[in-house]
Amino acid sequence: MTEPATPGGLVDPEIALQRQVETLKQRFPEADDADLSARVHETHARLKDEATVDSHLVALTEKQVTEDLRSGGETVHIRSDDTA
């Protein structure tokens, strides 16, 4: 799937962050949508402020939010393709 790019040729960070919210919602179905979105955007902003290189910030954001949710007691939903 091709994502719309910014004028500099990079994927629009807002689209990438929204995809992360959607991915996290699948992994944490009981989590509140607004809370997930806020966590993703706040974590991304914090990481960006501290970063000297920002090429992997979206992936790092997902990892950090996942760790925060798990340590906060949220249950991770693991998708299984095994129907047996």
Protein backbone atom coordinates (compact mmCIF):
# COMPACT_ATOMS: atom_id res chain seq x y z
CA MET A 1 0.00 0.00 0.00
CA THR A 2 1.35 3.39 -0.94
CA GLU A 3 0.99 6.26 1.51
CA PRO A 4 0.68 9.88 0.38
CA ALA A 5 4.02 11.62 0.64
CA THR A 6 4.93 15.06 1.89
CA PRO A 7 6.65 17.50 -0.49
CA GLY A 8 10.02 16.17 0.72
CA GLY A 9 9.07 12.67 -0.43
CA LEU A 10 8.47 11.23 3.03
CA VAL A 11 5.26 9.65 4.26
CA ASP A 12 3.01 12.17 6.00
CA PRO A 13 3.67 11.59 9.72
CA GLU A 14 0.03 12.16 10.65
CA ILE A 15 -1.08 9.35 8.33
CA ALA A 16 1.62 7.08 9.71
CA LEU A 17 0.58 7.89 13.30
CA GLN A 18 -3.08 7.21 12.51
CA ARG A 19 -2.08 3.82 11.12
CA GLN A 20 -0.26 3.14 14.39
CA VAL A 21 -3.42 4.02 16.34
CA GLU A 22 -5.38 1.56 14.18
CA THR A 23 -2.75 -1.16 14.65
CA LEU A 24 -2.69 -0.64 18.41
CA LYS A 25 -6.50 -0.74 18.53
CA GLN A 26 -6.38 -4.20 16.95
CA ARG A 27 -3.81 -5.34 19.52
CA PHE A 28 -5.58 -3.67 22.45
CA PRO A 29 -9.30 -3.84 21.55
CA GLU A 30 -10.46 -2.82 25.04
CA ALA A 31 -8.39 0.38 25.00
CA ASP A 32 -10.22 3.66 24.44
CA ASP A 33 -9.74 5.07 20.91
CA ALA A 34 -9.19 8.63 22.14
CA ASP A 35 -6.69 7.44 24.75
CA LEU A 36 -4.74 5.46 22.14
CA SER A 37 -4.63 8.42 19.79
CA ALA A 38 -3.50 10.75 22.58
CA ARG A 39 -0.81 8.29 23.73
CA VAL A 40 0.51 7.85 20.19
CA HIS A 41 0.64 11.58 19.46
CA GLU A 42 2.10 12.53 22.85
CA THR A 43 4.72 9.77 22.70
CA HIS A 44 5.67 10.71 19.14
CA ALA A 45 6.01 14.38 20.11
CA ARG A 46 8.17 13.51 23.13
CA LEU A 47 10.42 11.19 21.12
CA LYS A 48 10.72 13.77 18.33
CA ASP A 49 11.78 16.45 20.81
CA GLU A 50 14.54 14.16 22.11
CA ALA A 51 15.65 12.72 18.74
CA THR A 52 18.60 13.72 16.62
CA VAL A 53 17.42 11.41 13.81
CA ASP A 54 13.72 10.94 13.15
CA SER A 55 13.61 8.21 10.50
CA HIS A 56 12.28 5.54 12.88
CA LEU A 57 10.13 7.62 15.21
CA VAL A 58 6.82 6.07 14.17
CA ALA A 59 8.08 2.54 14.87
CA LEU A 60 9.61 3.64 18.16
CA THR A 61 6.34 5.33 19.05
CA GLU A 62 4.37 2.11 18.55
CA LYS A 63 6.89 0.15 20.62
CA GLN A 64 6.82 2.67 23.48
CA VAL A 65 3.01 2.91 23.56
CA THR A 66 2.73 -0.90 23.46
CA GLU A 67 5.12 -1.19 26.41
CA ASP A 68 3.21 1.50 28.32
CA LEU A 69 -0.13 -0.21 27.72
CA ARG A 70 1.20 -3.62 28.74
CA SER A 71 2.84 -2.28 31.88
CA GLY A 72 -0.44 -0.52 32.69
CA GLY A 73 -2.27 -3.84 32.67
CA GLU A 74 -3.85 -3.77 29.22
CA THR A 75 -4.25 -7.20 27.64
CA VAL A 76 -2.68 -7.73 24.24
CA HIS A 77 -4.90 -9.44 21.71
CA ILE A 78 -2.84 -11.81 19.58
CA ARG A 79 -4.42 -12.48 16.21
CA SER A 80 -4.34 -16.09 15.15
CA ASP A 81 -4.86 -17.33 11.63
CA ASP A 82 -5.22 -20.86 12.99
CA THR A 83 -8.93 -21.71 12.88
CA ALA A 84 -8.46 -25.26 14.19
